[in-house]
Amino acid sequence: MKMKKLSIILAFTALTVGANAQTLNVQSAIQDLKKNYLKKAKTEIDAACAHESTKDDAKTWCYKGLIYSRIGGEVTNPKSKFKDLAPDWAEQAYAAALECKRLDKTNEYANENNSVFRFVGNEYYSRATEQYNAQKYAEAIQDAEKAIEMFNNSGDSKFAGESMYIAGISAKALKDNEGVKKYFNQLVRKRTDKNFVYRTLFNIYKEEGNKDQAMKIATSYKKNHKDDYNAYLLMAEGYLLDENLEQGKEMINAALELTKNDANLYPQLLGQAAAILELTKDYEGAEAKYRESLTLNPTQFESNFGMGKMVFNRAVDKLEAANAVPETDESGLYDKLLGEANEFFGQSIPYFTAAINYIDGLPNEDAKKAQRANLFNCLQALNQVYARLERYDDMKVVKARMDEIQKAQ
């Protein structure tokens, strides 16, 4: 009897010591974390998280998240002895932070725990960016989604914006318009200042024939960033979709007013405004803007190519109109339209040539390589012009340059 009683007492004593040991494990883990004894801290906190006496304590999970986050901070240091200590540190830290949040009814550990959410969120954002840069777009979206979830759990969802952007541009790369709308519309609600977000959504809705939604995006942009000239250009396009020419031009002029004192930006914006006016068939207004832009900066690519393209397209319109004239027509309309077409083709030459000269004059090969597609487009247009005008010697020179570009690809 005495022996049995002693065993029971010893058993209870062992249990008590075990419970105290687990409490001590948390305290020891905290101290070892402060000393950067991460291997010991990890062993101690893992034991505490598994033990009945401490596994339901928010403090235990808070420090697990902090310890594993600290381990994660060592991963990129090739000299660190802890860099391979926990390959799954991010998943472990996030799971710990979620458990801490669930157990911490009084938010006693909220500040420390939120720092874990943000730290791990940054890790997944970095992974998403790396996946995007590696053109692994589906994987980028998965990592970005995790980052968004973590940032949203951190108590300050504003940090989720960049991850939403990565997810959105990854969806765009996959030609997943629904995915783009999912992420970019969230960014619009967060009042993002990224022109690309508003422009992309606007174009998607425009292509879908949803003019009302396209205009809502433009309106949100202007409301969110009333000093951004891009917002007014988007508003102008929105009005022009509805053939509201007066308000469209009003928005263009508002954009120009915002940039009139910027010697570098203003000529570029004049070119953009001209392109918008061209869409409405306001060729006189577009030409006036292109010419003003080129007066301020004659050697630029944008307005030279824009003006050349507009004149070229007008020539094509005249050709199509000429071809539509019945063979029985004896009014001379066919010859008249043909002559006008050739005149427009001729007018485009100096603009395309100036655009080509701009690219040829770029200071280094990397800059020229970045403009290769634009150069090819200019040469292709000139090739068609010279063919139409029967300038075959000029055409041979241009064709040789086009062949050279295609071989280099």
Protein backbone atom coordinates (compact mmCIF):
# COMPACT_ATOMS: atom_id res chain seq x y z
CA MET A 1 0.00 0.00 0.00
CA LYS A 2 2.68 2.42 0.97
CA MET A 3 4.55 1.64 -2.20
CA LYS A 4 1.53 2.28 -4.36
CA LYS A 5 0.79 5.56 -2.59
CA LEU A 6 4.35 6.68 -3.12
CA SER A 7 4.07 5.93 -6.81
CA ILE A 8 0.95 8.10 -7.09
CA ILE A 9 2.68 10.91 -5.24
CA LEU A 10 5.70 10.57 -7.50
CA ALA A 11 3.45 10.57 -10.55
CA PHE A 12 1.74 13.78 -9.44
CA THR A 13 5.11 15.31 -8.67
CA ALA A 14 6.35 14.41 -12.14
CA LEU A 15 3.28 15.99 -13.73
CA THR A 16 3.72 19.18 -11.75
CA VAL A 17 7.35 19.43 -12.69
CA GLY A 18 6.40 18.75 -16.33
CA ALA A 19 3.87 21.59 -16.36
CA ASN A 20 6.32 23.95 -14.74
CA ALA A 21 8.92 22.86 -17.26
CA GLN A 22 6.66 23.85 -20.11
CA THR A 23 6.04 27.27 -18.54
CA LEU A 24 9.77 27.56 -18.11
CA ASN A 25 10.18 26.56 -21.76
CA VAL A 26 8.25 29.67 -22.82
CA GLN A 27 10.32 31.88 -20.51
CA SER A 28 13.55 30.21 -21.65
CA ALA A 29 12.53 30.59 -25.29
CA ILE A 30 11.94 34.31 -24.71
CA GLN A 31 15.36 34.71 -23.12
CA ASP A 32 17.07 32.67 -25.84
CA LEU A 33 15.32 34.72 -28.50
CA LYS A 34 16.75 37.88 -26.92
CA LYS A 35 20.22 36.30 -26.95
CA ASN A 36 19.70 35.07 -30.52
CA TYR A 37 20.08 31.43 -29.45
CA LEU A 38 17.59 30.50 -32.09
CA LYS A 39 18.06 26.74 -32.18
CA LYS A 40 17.41 26.49 -28.44
CA ALA A 41 14.54 28.94 -28.63
CA LYS A 42 12.93 26.94 -31.44
CA THR A 43 13.19 23.66 -29.50
CA GLU A 44 11.74 25.23 -26.37
CA ILE A 45 8.84 27.02 -28.06
CA ASP A 46 7.93 23.95 -30.14
CA ALA A 47 7.70 21.92 -26.95
CA ALA A 48 5.56 24.57 -25.28
CA CYS A 49 3.19 24.72 -28.27
CA ALA A 50 2.62 20.97 -28.04
CA HIS A 51 2.12 20.74 -24.27
CA GLU A 52 -1.33 20.73 -22.69
CA SER A 53 -0.41 23.35 -20.09
CA THR A 54 0.82 26.00 -22.52
CA LYS A 55 -0.68 25.25 -25.92
CA ASP A 56 -3.78 27.34 -25.20
CA ASP A 57 -1.83 30.40 -24.07
CA ALA A 58 -1.69 33.27 -26.58
CA LYS A 59 1.75 34.19 -25.26
CA THR A 60 3.16 30.83 -26.35
CA TRP A 61 2.00 31.30 -29.93
CA CYS A 62 3.02 34.93 -30.01
CA TYR A 63 6.59 33.96 -29.22
CA LYS A 64 6.54 31.08 -31.64
CA GLY A 65 5.66 33.58 -34.35
CA LEU A 66 8.42 35.94 -33.22
CA ILE A 67 11.04 33.17 -33.00
CA TYR A 68 10.23 31.71 -36.39
CA SER A 69 10.20 35.20 -37.89
CA ARG A 70 13.66 35.80 -36.47
CA ILE A 71 14.77 32.51 -38.04
CA GLY A 72 13.30 33.74 -41.32
CA GLY A 73 15.43 36.84 -41.04
CA GLU A 74 18.52 34.61 -41.06
CA VAL A 75 17.62 32.76 -44.26
CA THR A 76 19.21 35.27 -46.63
CA ASN A 77 22.47 35.43 -44.67
CA PRO A 78 24.75 32.75 -46.17
CA LYS A 79 27.07 32.95 -43.15
CA SER A 80 24.33 32.40 -40.59
CA LYS A 81 24.29 29.04 -38.79
CA PHE A 82 20.50 29.38 -38.54
CA LYS A 83 19.73 29.87 -42.26
CA ASP A 84 18.58 26.24 -42.67
CA LEU A 85 17.05 25.85 -39.23
CA ALA A 86 13.41 25.99 -40.39
CA PRO A 87 12.82 25.92 -44.17
CA ASP A 88 9.08 26.29 -43.50
CA TRP A 89 9.56 29.23 -41.13
CA ALA A 90 7.04 31.47 -42.93
CA GLU A 91 4.23 28.90 -42.78
CA GLN A 92 5.04 28.15 -39.13
CA ALA A 93 5.16 31.83 -38.15
CA TYR A 94 1.88 32.58 -39.92
CA ALA A 95 0.08 29.61 -38.33
CA ALA A 96 1.40 30.71 -34.95
CA ALA A 97 0.22 34.28 -35.48
CA LEU A 98 -3.26 33.06 -36.41
CA GLU A 99 -3.43 30.91 -33.29
CA CYS A 100 -2.22 33.78 -31.11
CA LYS A 101 -4.88 36.05 -32.59
CA ARG A 102 -7.55 33.44 -31.89
CA LEU A 103 -6.50 32.99 -28.26
CA ASP A 104 -5.65 36.60 -27.42
CA LYS A 105 -9.12 37.77 -26.38
CA THR A 106 -7.83 40.95 -24.73
CA ASN A 107 -5.35 41.86 -27.49
CA GLU A 108 -2.52 41.75 -24.98
CA TYR A 109 -0.08 40.55 -27.64
CA ALA A 110 -1.63 42.31 -30.64
CA ASN A 111 1.29 44.63 -31.37
CA GLU A 112 3.91 41.87 -31.36
CA ASN A 113 1.63 39.49 -33.22
CA ASN A 114 0.79 42.05 -35.90
CA SER A 115 4.51 42.53 -36.48
CA VAL A 116 4.69 38.81 -37.26
CA PHE A 117 1.82 39.09 -39.75
CA ARG A 118 3.56 42.00 -41.46
CA PHE A 119 6.97 40.32 -41.49
CA VAL A 120 5.63 37.13 -43.03
CA GLY A 121 3.42 39.15 -45.38
CA ASN A 122 6.52 40.92 -46.65
CA GLU A 123 8.17 37.54 -47.21
CA TYR A 124 5.28 36.33 -49.36
CA TYR A 125 5.16 39.64 -51.20
CA SER A 126 8.86 39.19 -52.02
CA ARG A 127 8.21 35.63 -53.18
CA ALA A 128 5.32 36.84 -55.36
CA THR A 129 7.56 39.49 -56.92
CA GLU A 130 10.26 36.92 -57.65
CA GLN A 131 7.70 34.59 -59.23
CA TYR A 132 6.37 37.43 -61.38
CA ASN A 133 9.85 38.38 -62.54
CA ALA A 134 10.45 34.71 -63.40
CA GLN A 135 7.21 34.79 -65.44
CA LYS A 136 5.61 32.22 -63.14
CA TYR A 137 2.39 34.19 -62.98
CA ALA A 138 0.05 31.61 -61.43
CA GLU A 139 2.55 31.02 -58.61
CA ALA A 140 2.93 34.77 -58.17
CA ILE A 141 -0.81 35.10 -57.64
CA GLN A 142 -0.79 32.31 -55.02
CA ASP A 143 2.00 33.97 -53.03
CA ALA A 144 0.41 37.39 -53.41
CA GLU A 145 -2.89 36.01 -52.09
CA LYS A 146 -1.08 34.72 -49.00
CA ALA A 147 0.58 38.10 -48.50
CA ILE A 148 -2.77 39.88 -48.83
CA GLU A 149 -4.32 37.55 -46.23
CA MET A 150 -1.44 38.17 -43.82
CA PHE A 151 -1.46 41.93 -44.23
CA ASN A 152 -5.23 42.00 -43.76
CA ASN A 153 -4.77 40.06 -40.51
CA SER A 154 -2.13 42.52 -39.31
CA GLY A 155 -4.67 45.18 -38.37
CA ASP A 156 -3.54 47.52 -41.14
CA SER A 157 -4.68 46.35 -44.56
CA LYS A 158 -2.98 49.24 -46.38
CA PHE A 159 0.13 47.07 -46.62
CA ALA A 160 -1.81 44.65 -48.84
CA GLY A 161 -1.90 47.10 -51.76
CA GLU A 162 1.42 46.17 -53.36
CA SER A 163 0.55 42.48 -53.17
CA MET A 164 -2.78 43.17 -54.86
CA TYR A 165 -0.86 44.97 -57.59
CA ILE A 166 1.46 42.00 -58.16
CA ALA A 167 -1.57 39.69 -58.29
CA GLY A 168 -3.30 42.02 -60.76
CA ILE A 169 -0.39 42.36 -63.18
CA SER A 170 0.15 38.60 -62.97
CA ALA A 171 -3.49 38.05 -63.91
CA LYS A 172 -3.03 40.50 -66.79
CA ALA A 173 -0.01 38.52 -67.99
CA LEU A 174 -2.25 35.41 -67.96
CA LYS A 175 -4.92 37.34 -69.91
CA ASP A 176 -7.29 36.71 -67.02
CA ASN A 177 -9.47 39.82 -67.12
CA GLU A 178 -11.66 38.64 -64.27
CA GLY A 179 -8.57 38.27 -62.09
CA VAL A 180 -7.37 41.72 -63.08
CA LYS A 181 -10.73 43.20 -62.17
CA LYS A 182 -10.74 41.35 -58.82
CA TYR A 183 -7.43 42.80 -57.64
CA PHE A 184 -7.37 46.17 -59.39
CA ASN A 185 -10.89 47.13 -58.31
CA GLN A 186 -9.78 46.57 -54.72
CA LEU A 187 -6.89 48.95 -55.37
CA VAL A 188 -9.28 51.56 -56.77
CA ARG A 189 -11.29 51.31 -53.55
CA LYS A 190 -8.03 51.82 -51.66
CA ARG A 191 -7.50 55.03 -53.68
CA THR A 192 -4.34 53.77 -55.36
CA ASP A 193 -2.28 56.36 -57.20
CA LYS A 194 -1.14 53.91 -59.90
CA ASN A 195 -2.16 55.15 -63.32
CA PHE A 196 -1.64 51.64 -64.74
CA VAL A 197 -4.41 50.26 -62.51
CA TYR A 198 -7.04 52.75 -63.66
CA ARG A 199 -5.91 52.62 -67.29
CA THR A 200 -5.97 48.81 -67.40
CA LEU A 201 -9.43 48.55 -65.86
CA PHE A 202 -10.73 51.29 -68.14
CA ASN A 203 -9.46 49.44 -71.23
CA ILE A 204 -10.92 46.12 -70.09
CA TYR A 205 -14.37 47.62 -69.56
CA LYS A 206 -14.12 49.53 -72.84
CA GLU A 207 -13.26 46.33 -74.73
CA GLU A 208 -16.21 44.61 -73.05
CA GLY A 209 -18.47 47.40 -74.26
CA ASN A 210 -19.23 48.44 -70.69
CA LYS A 211 -18.93 52.20 -71.14
CA ASP A 212 -20.65 52.98 -67.85
CA GLN A 213 -18.16 50.95 -65.82
CA ALA A 214 -15.25 52.40 -67.78
CA MET A 215 -16.47 55.88 -66.93
CA LYS A 216 -16.85 54.92 -63.25
CA ILE A 217 -13.18 53.94 -63.18
CA ALA A 218 -12.16 57.25 -64.77
CA THR A 219 -14.39 59.16 -62.36
CA SER A 220 -12.90 57.33 -59.37
CA TYR A 221 -9.42 58.20 -60.61
CA LYS A 222 -10.25 61.89 -60.86
CA LYS A 223 -11.99 61.84 -57.47
CA ASN A 224 -9.07 60.04 -55.80
CA HIS A 225 -6.31 62.10 -57.42
CA LYS A 226 -7.61 65.42 -58.69
CA ASP A 227 -4.08 66.73 -59.35
CA ASP A 228 -3.04 63.82 -61.59
CA TYR A 229 -3.25 64.84 -65.24
CA ASN A 230 -3.65 61.16 -66.24
CA ALA A 231 -7.03 61.13 -64.49
CA TYR A 232 -8.27 63.91 -66.75
CA LEU A 233 -6.99 62.17 -69.87
CA LEU A 234 -8.90 59.06 -68.83
CA MET A 235 -11.99 61.15 -68.17
CA ALA A 236 -11.60 62.63 -71.64
CA GLU A 237 -11.56 59.16 -73.19
CA GLY A 238 -14.62 58.24 -71.15
CA TYR A 239 -16.56 61.24 -72.41
CA LEU A 240 -15.45 60.58 -75.97
CA LEU A 241 -16.73 57.01 -75.74
CA ASP A 242 -20.15 58.60 -75.29
CA GLU A 243 -19.38 61.07 -78.08
CA ASN A 244 -19.49 63.90 -75.57
CA LEU A 245 -16.91 65.95 -77.46
CA GLU A 246 -17.22 69.16 -75.49
CA GLN A 247 -16.63 67.62 -72.09
CA GLY A 248 -13.93 65.41 -73.56
CA LYS A 249 -12.02 68.43 -74.82
CA GLU A 250 -12.61 70.18 -71.50
CA MET A 251 -10.88 67.30 -69.69
CA ILE A 252 -7.99 67.38 -72.18
CA ASN A 253 -7.51 71.08 -71.56
CA ALA A 254 -7.64 70.50 -67.80
CA ALA A 255 -4.84 67.93 -68.13
CA LEU A 256 -2.78 70.34 -70.20
CA GLU A 257 -3.35 73.11 -67.68
CA LEU A 258 -1.91 70.91 -64.92
CA THR A 259 1.32 70.34 -66.87
CA LYS A 260 1.84 73.61 -68.75
CA ASN A 261 4.83 74.60 -66.62
CA ASP A 262 6.64 71.29 -67.08
CA ALA A 263 8.94 71.72 -70.09
CA ASN A 264 9.55 67.98 -70.44
CA LEU A 265 6.08 66.65 -69.72
CA TYR A 266 3.94 69.24 -71.50
CA PRO A 267 5.06 68.37 -75.08
CA GLN A 268 4.46 64.67 -74.36
CA LEU A 269 1.02 65.40 -73.01
CA LEU A 270 0.17 67.46 -76.06
CA GLY A 271 0.91 64.36 -78.12
CA GLN A 272 -1.34 62.23 -75.92
CA ALA A 273 -4.10 64.83 -76.17
CA ALA A 274 -3.71 64.84 -79.96
CA ALA A 275 -4.07 61.06 -80.09
CA ILE A 276 -7.31 61.27 -78.12
CA LEU A 277 -8.68 63.96 -80.44
CA GLU A 278 -7.71 61.79 -83.40
CA LEU A 279 -9.97 59.05 -82.08
CA THR A 280 -12.92 61.45 -82.42
CA LYS A 281 -11.94 62.28 -86.04
CA ASP A 282 -11.12 65.82 -84.90
CA TYR A 283 -8.10 65.88 -87.18
CA GLU A 284 -7.70 69.65 -87.10
CA GLY A 285 -7.63 69.68 -83.31
CA ALA A 286 -5.24 66.72 -83.23
CA GLU A 287 -2.93 68.27 -85.79
CA ALA A 288 -2.82 71.53 -83.84
CA LYS A 289 -1.78 69.65 -80.68
CA TYR A 290 0.84 67.58 -82.52
CA ARG A 291 2.31 70.69 -84.14
CA GLU A 292 2.44 72.55 -80.84
CA SER A 293 4.18 69.58 -79.27
CA LEU A 294 6.72 69.40 -82.09
CA THR A 295 7.34 73.14 -81.92
CA LEU A 296 8.34 72.73 -78.27
CA ASN A 297 10.36 69.54 -78.89
CA PRO A 298 11.00 68.80 -82.59
CA THR A 299 13.23 65.75 -82.04
CA GLN A 300 10.90 63.63 -79.93
CA PHE A 301 9.58 60.23 -81.01
CA GLU A 302 6.00 60.34 -79.68
CA SER A 303 4.50 63.28 -81.57
CA ASN A 304 6.51 62.66 -84.75
CA PHE A 305 5.26 59.08 -84.88
CA GLY A 306 1.77 60.14 -83.77
CA MET A 307 1.49 62.78 -86.47
CA GLY A 308 2.91 60.44 -89.11
CA LYS A 309 0.50 57.67 -88.09
CA MET A 310 -2.50 59.99 -88.14
CA VAL A 311 -1.67 61.29 -91.64
CA PHE A 312 -0.96 57.74 -92.83
CA ASN A 313 -4.33 56.54 -91.51
CA ARG A 314 -6.08 59.43 -93.26
CA ALA A 315 -4.39 58.32 -96.48
CA VAL A 316 -5.69 54.79 -95.95
CA ASP A 317 -9.20 56.16 -95.35
CA LYS A 318 -8.98 58.03 -98.68
CA LEU A 319 -7.80 54.88 -100.46
CA GLU A 320 -10.71 52.88 -99.05
CA ALA A 321 -13.12 55.61 -100.12
CA ALA A 322 -11.60 55.60 -103.62
CA ASN A 323 -11.93 51.85 -103.90
CA ALA A 324 -15.59 52.15 -102.92
CA VAL A 325 -16.34 54.42 -105.90
CA PRO A 326 -18.35 52.48 -108.53
CA GLU A 327 -16.55 51.72 -111.80
CA THR A 328 -19.37 53.42 -113.67
CA ASP A 329 -18.73 56.74 -111.90
CA GLU A 330 -17.49 59.37 -114.35
CA SER A 331 -17.32 62.33 -111.99
CA GLY A 332 -13.60 62.00 -111.41
CA LEU A 333 -14.14 61.22 -107.72
CA TYR A 334 -11.88 58.16 -107.84
CA ASP A 335 -8.91 60.14 -109.16
CA LYS A 336 -9.59 62.95 -106.70
CA LEU A 337 -9.61 60.62 -103.69
CA LEU A 338 -6.56 58.78 -104.99
CA GLY A 339 -4.68 62.05 -105.30
CA GLU A 340 -5.66 63.06 -101.77
CA ALA A 341 -4.50 59.69 -100.47
CA ASN A 342 -1.10 60.03 -102.12
CA GLU A 343 -0.79 63.56 -100.77
CA PHE A 344 -1.39 62.32 -97.22
CA PHE A 345 1.08 59.46 -97.75
CA GLY A 346 3.69 62.00 -98.83
CA GLN A 347 2.99 64.20 -95.80
CA SER A 348 3.66 61.29 -93.45
CA ILE A 349 7.23 60.74 -94.66
CA PRO A 350 9.04 63.54 -92.77
CA TYR A 351 7.33 62.58 -89.50
CA PHE A 352 8.20 58.88 -89.74
CA THR A 353 11.73 59.86 -90.79
CA ALA A 354 12.09 62.17 -87.78
CA ALA A 355 10.86 59.39 -85.47
CA ILE A 356 13.42 56.97 -86.96
CA ASN A 357 16.19 59.56 -86.61
CA TYR A 358 15.29 59.99 -82.95
CA ILE A 359 15.75 56.25 -82.30
CA ASP A 360 18.94 56.12 -84.37
CA GLY A 361 20.32 58.98 -82.30
CA LEU A 362 19.79 57.32 -78.91
CA PRO A 363 23.00 57.28 -76.84
CA ASN A 364 23.51 53.53 -76.35
CA GLU A 365 22.55 50.13 -77.72
CA ASP A 366 20.34 49.22 -74.76
CA ALA A 367 18.18 52.29 -75.37
CA LYS A 368 17.97 51.46 -79.08
CA LYS A 369 17.07 47.85 -78.32
CA ALA A 370 14.19 49.02 -76.11
CA GLN A 371 12.83 51.01 -79.09
CA ARG A 372 13.27 48.21 -81.64
CA ALA A 373 9.53 47.56 -81.96
CA ASN A 374 8.84 51.28 -82.50
CA LEU A 375 11.62 51.46 -85.09
CA PHE A 376 10.19 48.48 -86.96
CA ASN A 377 6.70 50.04 -86.97
CA CYS A 378 8.06 53.27 -88.43
CA LEU A 379 10.03 51.43 -91.11
CA GLN A 380 7.04 49.25 -91.96
CA ALA A 381 4.86 52.34 -92.42
CA LEU A 382 7.51 54.03 -94.58
CA ASN A 383 7.85 50.86 -96.65
CA GLN A 384 4.12 50.96 -97.44
CA VAL A 385 4.28 54.67 -98.23
CA TYR A 386 7.20 54.28 -100.63
CA ALA A 387 5.50 51.31 -102.30
CA ARG A 388 2.33 53.34 -102.77
CA LEU A 389 4.24 56.32 -104.16
CA GLU A 390 6.40 54.02 -106.34
CA ARG A 391 9.62 55.23 -104.73
CA TYR A 392 11.28 51.85 -105.11
CA ASP A 393 14.89 52.87 -104.37
CA ASP A 394 13.82 54.34 -101.04
CA MET A 395 11.73 51.26 -100.43
CA LYS A 396 14.78 48.97 -100.87
CA VAL A 397 16.73 50.87 -98.20
CA VAL A 398 13.85 50.65 -95.73
CA LYS A 399 13.22 46.97 -96.50
CA ALA A 400 16.87 46.16 -95.85
CA ARG A 401 16.65 47.70 -92.39
CA MET A 402 13.46 45.78 -91.64
CA ASP A 403 15.14 42.51 -92.65
CA GLU A 404 18.09 43.37 -90.41
CA ILE A 405 15.81 43.85 -87.40
CA GLN A 406 13.94 40.60 -88.04
CA LYS A 407 17.19 38.63 -88.31
CA ALA A 408 18.38 40.08 -84.99
CA GLN A 409 15.27 38.84 -83.15
